[in-house]
Amino acid sequence: METKKINVPNISCGHCVMTIKNELSELQGVSQVDGDPNTKEITVNWDAPATLETIISHLKEINYPAAE
């Protein structure tokens, strides 16, 4: 299992975190998503077939792009 903290500047509230959790949890292989609107970070745990690239890509698709 891989774990990564990702900075997402568009997070402004708990609703944003819940949207990201719901969307990323639908990706096959993603097992856990946590977030903090105060730090604008999410923590994602995943196994194959999910990859960091697919997670980052999906965040961009749902208008929560990761910070470069």
PDB file of N, CA and C in Angstrom:
ATOM      1  N   MET A   1       0.837  -1.177   0.000  1.00  0.00           N
ATOM      2  CA  MET A   1       0.000   0.000   0.000  1.00  0.00           C
ATOM      3  C   MET A   1       0.884   1.242   0.000  1.00  0.00           C
ATOM      4  N   GLU A   2       0.458   2.214  -0.764  1.00  0.00           N
ATOM      5  CA  GLU A   2       1.177   3.487  -0.820  1.00  0.00           C
ATOM      6  C   GLU A   2       0.341   4.565  -0.160  1.00  0.00           C
ATOM      7  N   THR A   3       1.000   5.535   0.427  1.00  0.00           N
ATOM      8  CA  THR A   3       0.346   6.664   1.089  1.00  0.00           C
ATOM      9  C   THR A   3       1.046   7.938   0.658  1.00  0.00           C
ATOM     10  N   LYS A   4       0.243   8.964   0.386  1.00  0.00           N
ATOM     11  CA  LYS A   4       0.826  10.231  -0.056  1.00  0.00           C
ATOM     12  C   LYS A   4      -0.028  11.385   0.445  1.00  0.00           C
ATOM     13  N   LYS A   5       0.635  12.428   0.953  1.00  0.00           N
ATOM     14  CA  LYS A   5      -0.034  13.682   1.274  1.00  0.00           C
ATOM     15  C   LYS A   5       0.038  14.560   0.035  1.00  0.00           C
ATOM     16  N   ILE A   6      -1.091  15.132  -0.324  1.00  0.00           N
ATOM     17  CA  ILE A   6      -1.168  15.956  -1.526  1.00  0.00           C
ATOM     18  C   ILE A   6      -1.740  17.314  -1.150  1.00  0.00           C
ATOM     19  N   ASN A   7      -1.062  18.369  -1.546  1.00  0.00           N
ATOM     20  CA  ASN A   7      -1.545  19.725  -1.299  1.00  0.00           C
ATOM     21  C   ASN A   7      -2.538  20.094  -2.391  1.00  0.00           C
ATOM     22  N   VAL A   8      -3.746  20.515  -1.973  1.00  0.00           N
ATOM     23  CA  VAL A   8      -4.799  20.890  -2.912  1.00  0.00           C
ATOM     24  C   VAL A   8      -5.279  22.299  -2.540  1.00  0.00           C
ATOM     25  N   PRO A   9      -4.722  23.327  -3.185  1.00  0.00           N
ATOM     26  CA  PRO A   9      -5.026  24.720  -2.806  1.00  0.00           C
ATOM     27  C   PRO A   9      -6.501  25.104  -2.907  1.00  0.00           C
ATOM     28  N   ASN A  10      -7.293  24.416  -3.735  1.00  0.00           N
ATOM     29  CA  ASN A  10      -8.707  24.770  -3.911  1.00  0.00           C
ATOM     30  C   ASN A  10      -9.590  24.343  -2.745  1.00  0.00           C
ATOM     31  N   ILE A  11      -9.056  23.593  -1.785  1.00  0.00           N
ATOM     32  CA  ILE A  11      -9.866  23.188  -0.633  1.00  0.00           C
ATOM     33  C   ILE A  11     -10.129  24.427   0.220  1.00  0.00           C
ATOM     34  N   SER A  12     -11.419  24.697   0.479  1.00  0.00           N
ATOM     35  CA  SER A  12     -11.753  25.853   1.308  1.00  0.00           C
ATOM     36  C   SER A  12     -12.617  25.487   2.515  1.00  0.00           C
ATOM     37  N   CYS A  13     -13.177  24.257   2.526  1.00  0.00           N
ATOM     38  CA  CYS A  13     -14.061  23.894   3.630  1.00  0.00           C
ATOM     39  C   CYS A  13     -14.188  22.370   3.724  1.00  0.00           C
ATOM     40  N   GLY A  14     -14.909  21.931   4.735  1.00  0.00           N
ATOM     41  CA  GLY A  14     -15.136  20.502   4.912  1.00  0.00           C
ATOM     42  C   GLY A  14     -15.904  19.876   3.769  1.00  0.00           C
ATOM     43  N   HIS A  15     -16.767  20.653   3.123  1.00  0.00           N
ATOM     44  CA  HIS A  15     -17.518  20.125   1.974  1.00  0.00           C
ATOM     45  C   HIS A  15     -16.570  19.765   0.839  1.00  0.00           C
ATOM     46  N   CYS A  16     -15.551  20.580   0.626  1.00  0.00           N
ATOM     47  CA  CYS A  16     -14.548  20.291  -0.405  1.00  0.00           C
ATOM     48  C   CYS A  16     -13.861  18.957  -0.104  1.00  0.00           C
ATOM     49  N   VAL A  17     -13.485  18.773   1.155  1.00  0.00           N
ATOM     50  CA  VAL A  17     -12.817  17.530   1.557  1.00  0.00           C
ATOM     51  C   VAL A  17     -13.748  16.345   1.318  1.00  0.00           C
ATOM     52  N   MET A  18     -15.033  16.485   1.667  1.00  0.00           N
ATOM     53  CA  MET A  18     -15.992  15.397   1.481  1.00  0.00           C
ATOM     54  C   MET A  18     -16.159  15.066  -0.003  1.00  0.00           C
ATOM     55  N   THR A  19     -16.191  16.075  -0.851  1.00  0.00           N
ATOM     56  CA  THR A  19     -16.297  15.848  -2.296  1.00  0.00           C
ATOM     57  C   THR A  19     -15.087  15.061  -2.799  1.00  0.00           C
ATOM     58  N   ILE A  20     -13.901  15.461  -2.374  1.00  0.00           N
ATOM     59  CA  ILE A  20     -12.680  14.769  -2.792  1.00  0.00           C
ATOM     60  C   ILE A  20     -12.691  13.338  -2.283  1.00  0.00           C
ATOM     61  N   LYS A  21     -13.080  13.129  -1.029  1.00  0.00           N
ATOM     62  CA  LYS A  21     -13.152  11.774  -0.463  1.00  0.00           C
ATOM     63  C   LYS A  21     -14.087  10.903  -1.289  1.00  0.00           C
ATOM     64  N   ASN A  22     -15.287  11.430  -1.578  1.00  0.00           N
ATOM     65  CA  ASN A  22     -16.266  10.652  -2.335  1.00  0.00           C
ATOM     66  C   ASN A  22     -15.766  10.309  -3.733  1.00  0.00           C
ATOM     67  N   GLU A  23     -15.178  11.280  -4.402  1.00  0.00           N
ATOM     68  CA  GLU A  23     -14.707  11.067  -5.773  1.00  0.00           C
ATOM     69  C   GLU A  23     -13.523  10.095  -5.828  1.00  0.00           C
ATOM     70  N   LEU A  24     -12.519  10.308  -4.975  1.00  0.00           N
ATOM     71  CA  LEU A  24     -11.336   9.443  -5.022  1.00  0.00           C
ATOM     72  C   LEU A  24     -11.636   8.036  -4.546  1.00  0.00           C
ATOM     73  N   SER A  25     -12.589   7.894  -3.619  1.00  0.00           N
ATOM     74  CA  SER A  25     -12.942   6.564  -3.116  1.00  0.00           C
ATOM     75  C   SER A  25     -13.545   5.686  -4.203  1.00  0.00           C
ATOM     76  N   GLU A  26     -14.057   6.303  -5.271  1.00  0.00           N
ATOM     77  CA  GLU A  26     -14.621   5.542  -6.388  1.00  0.00           C
ATOM     78  C   GLU A  26     -13.539   4.946  -7.284  1.00  0.00           C
ATOM     79  N   LEU A  27     -12.306   5.430  -7.168  1.00  0.00           N
ATOM     80  CA  LEU A  27     -11.221   4.885  -7.985  1.00  0.00           C
ATOM     81  C   LEU A  27     -10.837   3.506  -7.457  1.00  0.00           C
ATOM     82  N   GLN A  28     -10.720   2.551  -8.358  1.00  0.00           N
ATOM     83  CA  GLN A  28     -10.344   1.197  -7.965  1.00  0.00           C
ATOM     84  C   GLN A  28      -8.939   1.195  -7.384  1.00  0.00           C
ATOM     85  N   GLY A  29      -8.800   0.649  -6.174  1.00  0.00           N
ATOM     86  CA  GLY A  29      -7.511   0.582  -5.512  1.00  0.00           C
ATOM     87  C   GLY A  29      -7.340   1.588  -4.393  1.00  0.00           C
ATOM     88  N   VAL A  30      -8.130   2.681  -4.409  1.00  0.00           N
ATOM     89  CA  VAL A  30      -8.035   3.682  -3.344  1.00  0.00           C
ATOM     90  C   VAL A  30      -8.782   3.147  -2.129  1.00  0.00           C
ATOM     91  N   SER A  31      -8.077   3.049  -0.996  1.00  0.00           N
ATOM     92  CA  SER A  31      -8.680   2.460   0.196  1.00  0.00           C
ATOM     93  C   SER A  31      -9.060   3.487   1.259  1.00  0.00           C
ATOM     94  N   GLN A  32      -8.381   4.631   1.287  1.00  0.00           N
ATOM     95  CA  GLN A  32      -8.694   5.632   2.303  1.00  0.00           C
ATOM     96  C   GLN A  32      -8.296   7.015   1.822  1.00  0.00           C
ATOM     97  N   VAL A  33      -9.146   7.986   2.147  1.00  0.00           N
ATOM     98  CA  VAL A  33      -8.865   9.386   1.826  1.00  0.00           C
ATOM     99  C   VAL A  33      -9.232  10.217   3.051  1.00  0.00           C
ATOM    100  N   ASP A  34      -8.296  11.004   3.530  1.00  0.00           N
ATOM    101  CA  ASP A  34      -8.551  11.928   4.625  1.00  0.00           C
ATOM    102  C   ASP A  34      -8.104  13.307   4.169  1.00  0.00           C
ATOM    103  N   GLY A  35      -8.698  14.336   4.760  1.00  0.00           N
ATOM    104  CA  GLY A  35      -8.315  15.682   4.375  1.00  0.00           C
ATOM    105  C   GLY A  35      -8.487  16.675   5.497  1.00  0.00           C
ATOM    106  N   ASP A  36      -7.818  17.801   5.361  1.00  0.00           N
ATOM    107  CA  ASP A  36      -7.887  18.874   6.345  1.00  0.00           C
ATOM    108  C   ASP A  36      -8.012  20.202   5.609  1.00  0.00           C
ATOM    109  N   PRO A  37      -9.175  20.868   5.733  1.00  0.00           N
ATOM    110  CA  PRO A  37      -9.336  22.146   5.038  1.00  0.00           C
ATOM    111  C   PRO A  37      -8.401  23.233   5.552  1.00  0.00           C
ATOM    112  N   ASN A  38      -7.920  23.111   6.785  1.00  0.00           N
ATOM    113  CA  ASN A  38      -7.022  24.137   7.335  1.00  0.00           C
ATOM    114  C   ASN A  38      -5.641  24.094   6.688  1.00  0.00           C
ATOM    115  N   THR A  39      -5.136  22.888   6.430  1.00  0.00           N
ATOM    116  CA  THR A  39      -3.820  22.764   5.802  1.00  0.00           C
ATOM    117  C   THR A  39      -3.916  22.628   4.291  1.00  0.00           C
ATOM    118  N   LYS A  40      -5.145  22.439   3.782  1.00  0.00           N
ATOM    119  CA  LYS A  40      -5.401  22.235   2.349  1.00  0.00           C
ATOM    120  C   LYS A  40      -4.661  20.996   1.827  1.00  0.00           C
ATOM    121  N   GLU A  41      -4.604  19.955   2.669  1.00  0.00           N
ATOM    122  CA  GLU A  41      -3.945  18.709   2.290  1.00  0.00           C
ATOM    123  C   GLU A  41      -4.907  17.542   2.401  1.00  0.00           C
ATOM    124  N   ILE A  42      -4.707  16.583   1.509  1.00  0.00           N
ATOM    125  CA  ILE A  42      -5.403  15.307   1.625  1.00  0.00           C
ATOM    126  C   ILE A  42      -4.340  14.217   1.740  1.00  0.00           C
ATOM    127  N   THR A  43      -4.706  13.132   2.391  1.00  0.00           N
ATOM    128  CA  THR A  43      -3.850  11.964   2.497  1.00  0.00           C
ATOM    129  C   THR A  43      -4.589  10.810   1.852  1.00  0.00           C
ATOM    130  N   VAL A  44      -3.945  10.161   0.896  1.00  0.00           N
ATOM    131  CA  VAL A  44      -4.574   9.082   0.138  1.00  0.00           C
ATOM    132  C   VAL A  44      -3.772   7.797   0.325  1.00  0.00           C
ATOM    133  N   ASN A  45      -4.480   6.703   0.616  1.00  0.00           N
ATOM    134  CA  ASN A  45      -3.879   5.361   0.662  1.00  0.00           C
ATOM    135  C   ASN A  45      -4.423   4.568  -0.509  1.00  0.00           C
ATOM    136  N   TRP A  46      -3.529   3.886  -1.226  1.00  0.00           N
ATOM    137  CA  TRP A  46      -3.984   3.119  -2.386  1.00  0.00           C
ATOM    138  C   TRP A  46      -3.077   1.929  -2.659  1.00  0.00           C
ATOM    139  N   ASP A  47      -3.622   0.997  -3.425  1.00  0.00           N
ATOM    140  CA  ASP A  47      -2.911  -0.149  -3.983  1.00  0.00           C
ATOM    141  C   ASP A  47      -3.209  -0.172  -5.477  1.00  0.00           C
ATOM    142  N   ALA A  48      -2.492  -1.017  -6.211  1.00  0.00           N
ATOM    143  CA  ALA A  48      -2.776  -1.201  -7.638  1.00  0.00           C
ATOM    144  C   ALA A  48      -4.224  -1.656  -7.774  1.00  0.00           C
ATOM    145  N   PRO A  49      -4.925  -1.256  -8.807  1.00  0.00           N
ATOM    146  CA  PRO A  49      -4.442  -0.599 -10.017  1.00  0.00           C
ATOM    147  C   PRO A  49      -4.324   0.924  -9.918  1.00  0.00           C
ATOM    148  N   ALA A  50      -4.698   1.528  -8.800  1.00  0.00           N
ATOM    149  CA  ALA A  50      -4.567   2.986  -8.676  1.00  0.00           C
ATOM    150  C   ALA A  50      -3.088   3.377  -8.661  1.00  0.00           C
ATOM    151  N   THR A  51      -2.808   4.547  -9.187  1.00  0.00           N
ATOM    152  CA  THR A  51      -1.452   5.095  -9.163  1.00  0.00           C
ATOM    153  C   THR A  51      -1.543   6.553  -8.742  1.00  0.00           C
ATOM    154  N   LEU A  52      -0.433   7.113  -8.331  1.00  0.00           N
ATOM    155  CA  LEU A  52      -0.421   8.530  -7.979  1.00  0.00           C
ATOM    156  C   LEU A  52      -0.855   9.370  -9.180  1.00  0.00           C
ATOM    157  N   GLU A  53      -0.441   8.967 -10.365  1.00  0.00           N
ATOM    158  CA  GLU A  53      -0.798   9.705 -11.578  1.00  0.00           C
ATOM    159  C   GLU A  53      -2.306   9.714 -11.807  1.00  0.00           C
ATOM    160  N   THR A  54      -2.981   8.571 -11.591  1.00  0.00           N
ATOM    161  CA  THR A  54      -4.437   8.538 -11.799  1.00  0.00           C
ATOM    162  C   THR A  54      -5.147   9.373 -10.733  1.00  0.00           C
ATOM    163  N   ILE A  55      -4.621   9.364  -9.516  1.00  0.00           N
ATOM    164  CA  ILE A  55      -5.222  10.156  -8.437  1.00  0.00           C
ATOM    165  C   ILE A  55      -5.079  11.646  -8.745  1.00  0.00           C
ATOM    166  N   ILE A  56      -3.878  12.079  -9.131  1.00  0.00           N
ATOM    167  CA  ILE A  56      -3.629  13.487  -9.475  1.00  0.00           C
ATOM    168  C   ILE A  56      -4.503  13.895 -10.665  1.00  0.00           C
ATOM    169  N   SER A  57      -4.604  13.029 -11.651  1.00  0.00           N
ATOM    170  CA  SER A  57      -5.413  13.310 -12.832  1.00  0.00           C
ATOM    171  C   SER A  57      -6.887  13.460 -12.458  1.00  0.00           C
ATOM    172  N   HIS A  58      -7.369  12.592 -11.594  1.00  0.00           N
ATOM    173  CA  HIS A  58      -8.781  12.656 -11.183  1.00  0.00           C
ATOM    174  C   HIS A  58      -9.051  13.927 -10.376  1.00  0.00           C
ATOM    175  N   LEU A  59      -8.116  14.325  -9.531  1.00  0.00           N
ATOM    176  CA  LEU A  59      -8.276  15.580  -8.791  1.00  0.00           C
ATOM    177  C   LEU A  59      -8.435  16.753  -9.759  1.00  0.00           C
ATOM    178  N   LYS A  60      -7.647  16.765 -10.816  1.00  0.00           N
ATOM    179  CA  LYS A  60      -7.727  17.842 -11.808  1.00  0.00           C
ATOM    180  C   LYS A  60      -9.083  17.820 -12.504  1.00  0.00           C
ATOM    181  N   GLU A  61      -9.586  16.620 -12.830  1.00  0.00           N
ATOM    182  CA  GLU A  61     -10.878  16.485 -13.506  1.00  0.00           C
ATOM    183  C   GLU A  61     -12.033  17.034 -12.663  1.00  0.00           C
ATOM    184  N   ILE A  62     -11.927  16.910 -11.340  1.00  0.00           N
ATOM    185  CA  ILE A  62     -13.019  17.370 -10.475  1.00  0.00           C
ATOM    186  C   ILE A  62     -12.775  18.776  -9.921  1.00  0.00           C
ATOM    187  N   ASN A  63     -11.842  19.505 -10.569  1.00  0.00           N
ATOM    188  CA  ASN A  63     -11.539  20.902 -10.239  1.00  0.00           C
ATOM    189  C   ASN A  63     -10.897  21.093  -8.867  1.00  0.00           C
ATOM    190  N   TYR A  64     -10.138  20.094  -8.434  1.00  0.00           N
ATOM    191  CA  TYR A  64      -9.326  20.218  -7.229  1.00  0.00           C
ATOM    192  C   TYR A  64      -7.904  19.810  -7.584  1.00  0.00           C
ATOM    193  N   PRO A  65      -7.248  20.574  -8.484  1.00  0.00           N
ATOM    194  CA  PRO A  65      -5.902  20.159  -8.918  1.00  0.00           C
ATOM    195  C   PRO A  65      -4.890  20.244  -7.781  1.00  0.00           C
ATOM    196  N   ALA A  66      -3.965  19.292  -7.792  1.00  0.00           N
ATOM    197  CA  ALA A  66      -2.889  19.283  -6.808  1.00  0.00           C
ATOM    198  C   ALA A  66      -1.916  20.407  -7.099  1.00  0.00           C
ATOM    199  N   ALA A  67      -1.300  20.929  -6.049  1.00  0.00           N
ATOM    200  CA  ALA A  67      -0.285  21.974  -6.219  1.00  0.00           C
ATOM    201  C   ALA A  67       0.930  21.369  -6.919  1.00  0.00           C
ATOM    202  N   GLU A  68       1.533  22.134  -7.769  1.00  0.00           N
ATOM    203  CA  GLU A  68       2.708  21.651  -8.509  1.00  0.00           C
ATOM    204  C   GLU A  68       3.918  21.652  -7.629  1.00  0.00           C
TER     205      GLU A  68
END
